[in-house]
């Protein structure tokens, strides 16, 4: 689900938000991931933030994610 450029960003965010959020890299070609990615309306590459129920709160397809944009969505979700 994540492009090579974005995966290091996810690992950095996981470190910064440890204990507050769970981060997961989902390979498109494994298990039921194609359906999961389609359910979140993402292309092959993208990022999604979901709440505890699995409902999508934010997402972007493709390779256009920036750390600032993702952090803004995280802060909005966390209320900080």
PDB file of N, CA and C in Angstrom:
ATOM      1  N   UNK A   1       0.818  -1.178   0.000  1.00  0.00           N
ATOM      2  CA  UNK A   1       0.000   0.000   0.000  1.00  0.00           C
ATOM      3  C   UNK A   1       0.867   1.248   0.000  1.00  0.00           C
ATOM      4  N   UNK A   2       2.049   1.166   0.511  1.00  0.00           N
ATOM      5  CA  UNK A   2       2.896   2.353   0.605  1.00  0.00           C
ATOM      6  C   UNK A   2       4.037   2.294  -0.391  1.00  0.00           C
ATOM      7  N   UNK A   3       4.343   3.420  -0.969  1.00  0.00           N
ATOM      8  CA  UNK A   3       5.476   3.467  -1.889  1.00  0.00           C
ATOM      9  C   UNK A   3       6.774   3.537  -1.086  1.00  0.00           C
ATOM     10  N   UNK A   4       7.892   3.275  -1.745  1.00  0.00           N
ATOM     11  CA  UNK A   4       9.192   3.249  -1.075  1.00  0.00           C
ATOM     12  C   UNK A   4       9.508   4.582  -0.409  1.00  0.00           C
ATOM     13  N   UNK A   5       9.070   5.674  -1.011  1.00  0.00           N
ATOM     14  CA  UNK A   5       9.319   7.009  -0.457  1.00  0.00           C
ATOM     15  C   UNK A   5       8.564   7.213   0.851  1.00  0.00           C
ATOM     16  N   UNK A   6       7.376   6.654   0.948  1.00  0.00           N
ATOM     17  CA  UNK A   6       6.505   6.897   2.088  1.00  0.00           C
ATOM     18  C   UNK A   6       6.788   5.949   3.250  1.00  0.00           C
ATOM     19  N   UNK A   7       7.248   4.744   2.963  1.00  0.00           N
ATOM     20  CA  UNK A   7       7.459   3.772   4.039  1.00  0.00           C
ATOM     21  C   UNK A   7       8.385   4.295   5.138  1.00  0.00           C
ATOM     22  N   UNK A   8       9.538   4.924   4.823  1.00  0.00           N
ATOM     23  CA  UNK A   8      10.360   5.483   5.906  1.00  0.00           C
ATOM     24  C   UNK A   8       9.613   6.549   6.717  1.00  0.00           C
ATOM     25  N   UNK A   9       8.736   7.311   6.061  1.00  0.00           N
ATOM     26  CA  UNK A   9       7.946   8.304   6.783  1.00  0.00           C
ATOM     27  C   UNK A   9       7.053   7.609   7.801  1.00  0.00           C
ATOM     28  N   UNK A  10       6.452   6.509   7.421  1.00  0.00           N
ATOM     29  CA  UNK A  10       5.566   5.784   8.326  1.00  0.00           C
ATOM     30  C   UNK A  10       6.342   5.289   9.533  1.00  0.00           C
ATOM     31  N   UNK A  11       7.537   4.771   9.304  1.00  0.00           N
ATOM     32  CA  UNK A  11       8.343   4.288  10.427  1.00  0.00           C
ATOM     33  C   UNK A  11       8.722   5.428  11.367  1.00  0.00           C
ATOM     34  N   UNK A  12       9.029   6.589  10.815  1.00  0.00           N
ATOM     35  CA  UNK A  12       9.336   7.759  11.646  1.00  0.00           C
ATOM     36  C   UNK A  12       8.128   8.218  12.444  1.00  0.00           C
ATOM     37  N   UNK A  13       6.964   8.248  11.799  1.00  0.00           N
ATOM     38  CA  UNK A  13       5.735   8.631  12.496  1.00  0.00           C
ATOM     39  C   UNK A  13       5.398   7.616  13.586  1.00  0.00           C
ATOM     40  N   UNK A  14       5.612   6.343  13.310  1.00  0.00           N
ATOM     41  CA  UNK A  14       5.347   5.296  14.306  1.00  0.00           C
ATOM     42  C   UNK A  14       6.192   5.528  15.553  1.00  0.00           C
ATOM     43  N   UNK A  15       7.425   5.939  15.360  1.00  0.00           N
ATOM     44  CA  UNK A  15       8.305   6.220  16.500  1.00  0.00           C
ATOM     45  C   UNK A  15       7.804   7.453  17.258  1.00  0.00           C
ATOM     46  N   UNK A  16       7.443   8.505  16.528  1.00  0.00           N
ATOM     47  CA  UNK A  16       7.007   9.750  17.155  1.00  0.00           C
ATOM     48  C   UNK A  16       5.675   9.617  17.898  1.00  0.00           C
ATOM     49  N   UNK A  17       4.805   8.728  17.424  1.00  0.00           N
ATOM     50  CA  UNK A  17       3.475   8.580  18.021  1.00  0.00           C
ATOM     51  C   UNK A  17       3.299   7.232  18.718  1.00  0.00           C
ATOM     52  N   UNK A  18       4.404   6.634  19.133  1.00  0.00           N
ATOM     53  CA  UNK A  18       4.355   5.344  19.828  1.00  0.00           C
ATOM     54  C   UNK A  18       3.451   5.452  21.055  1.00  0.00           C
ATOM     55  N   UNK A  19       2.589   4.482  21.216  1.00  0.00           N
ATOM     56  CA  UNK A  19       1.671   4.472  22.348  1.00  0.00           C
ATOM     57  C   UNK A  19       0.396   5.251  22.106  1.00  0.00           C
ATOM     58  N   UNK A  20       0.356   6.043  21.035  1.00  0.00           N
ATOM     59  CA  UNK A  20      -0.837   6.842  20.725  1.00  0.00           C
ATOM     60  C   UNK A  20      -1.582   6.289  19.514  1.00  0.00           C
ATOM     61  N   UNK A  21      -0.831   5.712  18.584  1.00  0.00           N
ATOM     62  CA  UNK A  21      -1.418   5.183  17.356  1.00  0.00           C
ATOM     63  C   UNK A  21      -0.652   3.934  16.946  1.00  0.00           C
ATOM     64  N   UNK A  22      -1.309   3.109  16.159  1.00  0.00           N
ATOM     65  CA  UNK A  22      -0.675   1.935  15.567  1.00  0.00           C
ATOM     66  C   UNK A  22      -0.433   2.231  14.092  1.00  0.00           C
ATOM     67  N   UNK A  23       0.729   1.880  13.588  1.00  0.00           N
ATOM     68  CA  UNK A  23       1.080   2.083  12.187  1.00  0.00           C
ATOM     69  C   UNK A  23       1.338   0.727  11.559  1.00  0.00           C
ATOM     70  N   UNK A  24       0.898   0.580  10.324  1.00  0.00           N
ATOM     71  CA  UNK A  24       1.039  -0.696   9.636  1.00  0.00           C
ATOM     72  C   UNK A  24       1.333  -0.456   8.154  1.00  0.00           C
ATOM     73  N   UNK A  25       2.300  -1.167   7.636  1.00  0.00           N
ATOM     74  CA  UNK A  25       2.585  -1.157   6.202  1.00  0.00           C
ATOM     75  C   UNK A  25       1.899  -2.387   5.637  1.00  0.00           C
ATOM     76  N   UNK A  26       1.039  -2.173   4.646  1.00  0.00           N
ATOM     77  CA  UNK A  26       0.233  -3.259   4.084  1.00  0.00           C
ATOM     78  C   UNK A  26       0.665  -3.516   2.637  1.00  0.00           C
ATOM     79  N   UNK A  27       1.341  -4.631   2.389  1.00  0.00           N
ATOM     80  CA  UNK A  27       1.720  -4.964   1.016  1.00  0.00           C
ATOM     81  C   UNK A  27       0.481  -5.310   0.184  1.00  0.00           C
ATOM     82  N   UNK A  28       0.362  -4.701  -0.960  1.00  0.00           N
ATOM     83  CA  UNK A  28      -0.805  -4.870  -1.826  1.00  0.00           C
ATOM     84  C   UNK A  28      -1.041  -6.321  -2.215  1.00  0.00           C
ATOM     85  N   UNK A  29       0.032  -7.054  -2.438  1.00  0.00           N
ATOM     86  CA  UNK A  29      -0.088  -8.389  -3.023  1.00  0.00           C
ATOM     87  C   UNK A  29      -0.134  -9.530  -2.006  1.00  0.00           C
ATOM     88  N   UNK A  30      -0.444  -9.262  -0.768  1.00  0.00           N
ATOM     89  CA  UNK A  30      -0.503 -10.312   0.246  1.00  0.00           C
ATOM     90  C   UNK A  30      -1.907 -10.432   0.839  1.00  0.00           C
ATOM     91  N   UNK A  31      -2.345 -11.654   1.005  1.00  0.00           N
ATOM     92  CA  UNK A  31      -3.609 -11.947   1.668  1.00  0.00           C
ATOM     93  C   UNK A  31      -4.787 -11.186   1.089  1.00  0.00           C
ATOM     94  N   UNK A  32      -5.612 -10.647   1.967  1.00  0.00           N
ATOM     95  CA  UNK A  32      -6.824  -9.921   1.608  1.00  0.00           C
ATOM     96  C   UNK A  32      -6.563  -8.423   1.430  1.00  0.00           C
ATOM     97  N   UNK A  33      -5.302  -8.039   1.313  1.00  0.00           N
ATOM     98  CA  UNK A  33      -4.957  -6.612   1.286  1.00  0.00           C
ATOM     99  C   UNK A  33      -5.506  -5.871   0.080  1.00  0.00           C
ATOM    100  N   UNK A  34      -5.624  -6.533  -1.082  1.00  0.00           N
ATOM    101  CA  UNK A  34      -6.190  -5.854  -2.251  1.00  0.00           C
ATOM    102  C   UNK A  34      -7.591  -5.359  -1.936  1.00  0.00           C
ATOM    103  N   UNK A  35      -8.375  -6.181  -1.263  1.00  0.00           N
ATOM    104  CA  UNK A  35      -9.740  -5.784  -0.912  1.00  0.00           C
ATOM    105  C   UNK A  35      -9.736  -4.691   0.148  1.00  0.00           C
ATOM    106  N   UNK A  36      -8.869  -4.814   1.151  1.00  0.00           N
ATOM    107  CA  UNK A  36      -8.768  -3.771   2.192  1.00  0.00           C
ATOM    108  C   UNK A  36      -8.447  -2.425   1.567  1.00  0.00           C
ATOM    109  N   UNK A  37      -7.477  -2.419   0.644  1.00  0.00           N
ATOM    110  CA  UNK A  37      -7.061  -1.180  -0.009  1.00  0.00           C
ATOM    111  C   UNK A  37      -8.205  -0.620  -0.846  1.00  0.00           C
ATOM    112  N   UNK A  38      -8.904  -1.478  -1.559  1.00  0.00           N
ATOM    113  CA  UNK A  38     -10.064  -1.044  -2.360  1.00  0.00           C
ATOM    114  C   UNK A  38     -11.166  -0.497  -1.457  1.00  0.00           C
ATOM    115  N   UNK A  39     -11.398  -1.138  -0.318  1.00  0.00           N
ATOM    116  CA  UNK A  39     -12.427  -0.673   0.619  1.00  0.00           C
ATOM    117  C   UNK A  39     -12.136   0.742   1.125  1.00  0.00           C
ATOM    118  N   UNK A  40     -10.861   1.074   1.265  1.00  0.00           N
ATOM    119  CA  UNK A  40     -10.470   2.417   1.705  1.00  0.00           C
ATOM    120  C   UNK A  40     -10.329   3.386   0.534  1.00  0.00           C
ATOM    121  N   UNK A  41     -10.674   2.954  -0.654  1.00  0.00           N
ATOM    122  CA  UNK A  41     -10.656   3.771  -1.872  1.00  0.00           C
ATOM    123  C   UNK A  41      -9.263   4.322  -2.181  1.00  0.00           C
ATOM    124  N   UNK A  42      -8.260   3.463  -2.037  1.00  0.00           N
ATOM    125  CA  UNK A  42      -6.887   3.827  -2.355  1.00  0.00           C
ATOM    126  C   UNK A  42      -6.452   3.112  -3.620  1.00  0.00           C
ATOM    127  N   UNK A  43      -5.459   3.665  -4.304  1.00  0.00           N
ATOM    128  CA  UNK A  43      -4.815   2.986  -5.415  1.00  0.00           C
ATOM    129  C   UNK A  43      -3.790   2.015  -4.835  1.00  0.00           C
ATOM    130  N   UNK A  44      -2.883   1.546  -5.663  1.00  0.00           N
ATOM    131  CA  UNK A  44      -1.843   0.632  -5.183  1.00  0.00           C
ATOM    132  C   UNK A  44      -1.015   1.246  -4.061  1.00  0.00           C
ATOM    133  N   UNK A  45      -0.772   2.533  -4.158  1.00  0.00           N
ATOM    134  CA  UNK A  45       0.022   3.237  -3.151  1.00  0.00           C
ATOM    135  C   UNK A  45      -0.848   4.303  -2.512  1.00  0.00           C
ATOM    136  N   UNK A  46      -0.643   4.497  -1.230  1.00  0.00           N
ATOM    137  CA  UNK A  46      -1.392   5.527  -0.540  1.00  0.00           C
ATOM    138  C   UNK A  46      -1.269   5.357   0.958  1.00  0.00           C
ATOM    139  N   UNK A  47      -1.929   6.233   1.661  1.00  0.00           N
ATOM    140  CA  UNK A  47      -1.950   6.169   3.124  1.00  0.00           C
ATOM    141  C   UNK A  47      -3.375   6.399   3.583  1.00  0.00           C
ATOM    142  N   UNK A  48      -3.708   5.765   4.686  1.00  0.00           N
ATOM    143  CA  UNK A  48      -5.033   5.928   5.267  1.00  0.00           C
ATOM    144  C   UNK A  48      -4.894   5.956   6.784  1.00  0.00           C
ATOM    145  N   UNK A  49      -5.729   6.761   7.411  1.00  0.00           N
ATOM    146  CA  UNK A  49      -5.829   6.775   8.870  1.00  0.00           C
ATOM    147  C   UNK A  49      -7.237   6.314   9.191  1.00  0.00           C
ATOM    148  N   UNK A  50      -7.329   5.328  10.061  1.00  0.00           N
ATOM    149  CA  UNK A  50      -8.632   4.807  10.469  1.00  0.00           C
ATOM    150  C   UNK A  50      -8.769   4.941  11.983  1.00  0.00           C
ATOM    151  N   UNK A  51     -10.013   4.995  12.432  1.00  0.00           N
ATOM    152  CA  UNK A  51     -10.241   5.049  13.879  1.00  0.00           C
ATOM    153  C   UNK A  51     -10.258   3.627  14.448  1.00  0.00           C
ATOM    154  N   UNK A  52     -10.588   3.503  15.734  1.00  0.00           N
ATOM    155  CA  UNK A  52     -10.561   2.208  16.401  1.00  0.00           C
ATOM    156  C   UNK A  52     -11.533   1.204  15.791  1.00  0.00           C
ATOM    157  N   UNK A  53     -12.562   1.675  15.119  1.00  0.00           N
ATOM    158  CA  UNK A  53     -13.545   0.778  14.512  1.00  0.00           C
ATOM    159  C   UNK A  53     -13.145   0.354  13.102  1.00  0.00           C
ATOM    160  N   UNK A  54     -12.097   0.966  12.566  1.00  0.00           N
ATOM    161  CA  UNK A  54     -11.673   0.676  11.203  1.00  0.00           C
ATOM    162  C   UNK A  54     -12.256   1.634  10.180  1.00  0.00           C
ATOM    163  N   UNK A  55     -13.017   2.621  10.631  1.00  0.00           N
ATOM    164  CA  UNK A  55     -13.606   3.608   9.716  1.00  0.00           C
ATOM    165  C   UNK A  55     -12.530   4.597   9.256  1.00  0.00           C
ATOM    166  N   UNK A  56     -12.520   4.879   7.972  1.00  0.00           N
ATOM    167  CA  UNK A  56     -11.544   5.806   7.394  1.00  0.00           C
ATOM    168  C   UNK A  56     -11.836   7.225   7.857  1.00  0.00           C
ATOM    169  N   UNK A  57     -10.792   7.887   8.401  1.00  0.00           N
ATOM    170  CA  UNK A  57     -10.909   9.289   8.807  1.00  0.00           C
ATOM    171  C   UNK A  57     -10.151  10.214   7.858  1.00  0.00           C
ATOM    172  N   UNK A  58      -9.129   9.671   7.222  1.00  0.00           N
ATOM    173  CA  UNK A  58      -8.315  10.448   6.289  1.00  0.00           C
ATOM    174  C   UNK A  58      -7.605   9.480   5.359  1.00  0.00           C
ATOM    175  N   UNK A  59      -7.383   9.889   4.129  1.00  0.00           N
ATOM    176  CA  UNK A  59      -6.623   9.052   3.218  1.00  0.00           C
ATOM    177  C   UNK A  59      -6.211   9.825   1.980  1.00  0.00           C
ATOM    178  N   UNK A  60      -5.112   9.388   1.403  1.00  0.00           N
ATOM    179  CA  UNK A  60      -4.630   9.945   0.138  1.00  0.00           C
ATOM    180  C   UNK A  60      -4.054   8.805  -0.681  1.00  0.00           C
ATOM    181  N   UNK A  61      -4.463   8.742  -1.944  1.00  0.00           N
ATOM    182  CA  UNK A  61      -3.912   7.749  -2.860  1.00  0.00           C
ATOM    183  C   UNK A  61      -2.688   8.299  -3.552  1.00  0.00           C
ATOM    184  N   UNK A  62      -1.918   7.401  -4.099  1.00  0.00           N
ATOM    185  CA  UNK A  62      -0.772   7.793  -4.893  1.00  0.00           C
ATOM    186  C   UNK A  62       0.458   8.080  -4.058  1.00  0.00           C
ATOM    187  N   UNK A  63       1.320   8.917  -4.599  1.00  0.00           N
ATOM    188  CA  UNK A  63       2.628   9.210  -3.996  1.00  0.00           C
ATOM    189  C   UNK A  63       2.711  10.640  -3.465  1.00  0.00           C
ATOM    190  N   UNK A  64       1.587  11.271  -3.200  1.00  0.00           N
ATOM    191  CA  UNK A  64       1.619  12.698  -2.883  1.00  0.00           C
ATOM    192  C   UNK A  64       1.640  13.041  -1.400  1.00  0.00           C
ATOM    193  N   UNK A  65       1.749  12.055  -0.537  1.00  0.00           N
ATOM    194  CA  UNK A  65       1.725  12.335   0.895  1.00  0.00           C
ATOM    195  C   UNK A  65       2.973  13.086   1.339  1.00  0.00           C
ATOM    196  N   UNK A  66       2.758  14.020   2.256  1.00  0.00           N
ATOM    197  CA  UNK A  66       3.880  14.712   2.891  1.00  0.00           C
ATOM    198  C   UNK A  66       3.777  14.466   4.387  1.00  0.00           C
ATOM    199  N   UNK A  67       4.882  14.515   5.062  1.00  0.00           N
ATOM    200  CA  UNK A  67       4.862  14.302   6.512  1.00  0.00           C
ATOM    201  C   UNK A  67       3.987  15.360   7.184  1.00  0.00           C
ATOM    202  N   UNK A  68       4.082  16.602   6.734  1.00  0.00           N
ATOM    203  CA  UNK A  68       3.279  17.677   7.325  1.00  0.00           C
ATOM    204  C   UNK A  68       1.780  17.400   7.158  1.00  0.00           C
ATOM    205  N   UNK A  69       1.384  16.931   5.993  1.00  0.00           N
ATOM    206  CA  UNK A  69      -0.022  16.625   5.748  1.00  0.00           C
ATOM    207  C   UNK A  69      -0.521  15.475   6.591  1.00  0.00           C
ATOM    208  N   UNK A  70       0.297  14.437   6.706  1.00  0.00           N
ATOM    209  CA  UNK A  70      -0.088  13.277   7.514  1.00  0.00           C
ATOM    210  C   UNK A  70      -0.141  13.664   8.988  1.00  0.00           C
ATOM    211  N   UNK A  71       0.843  14.427   9.450  1.00  0.00           N
ATOM    212  CA  UNK A  71       0.842  14.853  10.856  1.00  0.00           C
ATOM    213  C   UNK A  71      -0.344  15.746  11.176  1.00  0.00           C
ATOM    214  N   UNK A  72      -0.757  16.587  10.263  1.00  0.00           N
ATOM    215  CA  UNK A  72      -1.936  17.430  10.492  1.00  0.00           C
ATOM    216  C   UNK A  72      -3.166  16.554  10.677  1.00  0.00           C
ATOM    217  N   UNK A  73      -3.307  15.503   9.862  1.00  0.00           N
ATOM    218  CA  UNK A  73      -4.453  14.590   9.996  1.00  0.00           C
ATOM    219  C   UNK A  73      -4.378  13.832  11.317  1.00  0.00           C
ATOM    220  N   UNK A  74      -3.176  13.406  11.714  1.00  0.00           N
ATOM    221  CA  UNK A  74      -3.010  12.693  12.971  1.00  0.00           C
ATOM    222  C   UNK A  74      -3.378  13.600  14.150  1.00  0.00           C
ATOM    223  N   UNK A  75      -2.878  14.836  14.130  1.00  0.00           N
ATOM    224  CA  UNK A  75      -3.155  15.763  15.227  1.00  0.00           C
ATOM    225  C   UNK A  75      -4.640  16.069  15.324  1.00  0.00           C
ATOM    226  N   UNK A  76      -5.314  16.174  14.182  1.00  0.00           N
ATOM    227  CA  UNK A  76      -6.752  16.406  14.197  1.00  0.00           C
ATOM    228  C   UNK A  76      -7.472  15.210  14.817  1.00  0.00           C
ATOM    229  N   UNK A  77      -7.061  14.010  14.443  1.00  0.00           N
ATOM    230  CA  UNK A  77      -7.667  12.802  14.986  1.00  0.00           C
ATOM    231  C   UNK A  77      -7.446  12.689  16.481  1.00  0.00           C
ATOM    232  N   UNK A  78      -6.217  12.998  16.924  1.00  0.00           N
ATOM    233  CA  UNK A  78      -5.894  12.893  18.330  1.00  0.00           C
ATOM    234  C   UNK A  78      -6.369  14.083  19.158  1.00  0.00           C
ATOM    235  N   UNK A  79      -6.806  15.125  18.473  1.00  0.00           N
ATOM    236  CA  UNK A  79      -7.260  16.313  19.177  1.00  0.00           C
ATOM    237  C   UNK A  79      -6.123  17.104  19.798  1.00  0.00           C
ATOM    238  N   UNK A  80      -4.959  17.068  19.151  1.00  0.00           N
ATOM    239  CA  UNK A  80      -3.820  17.814  19.709  1.00  0.00           C
ATOM    240  C   UNK A  80      -3.256  18.785  18.702  1.00  0.00           C
TER     241      UNK A  80
END
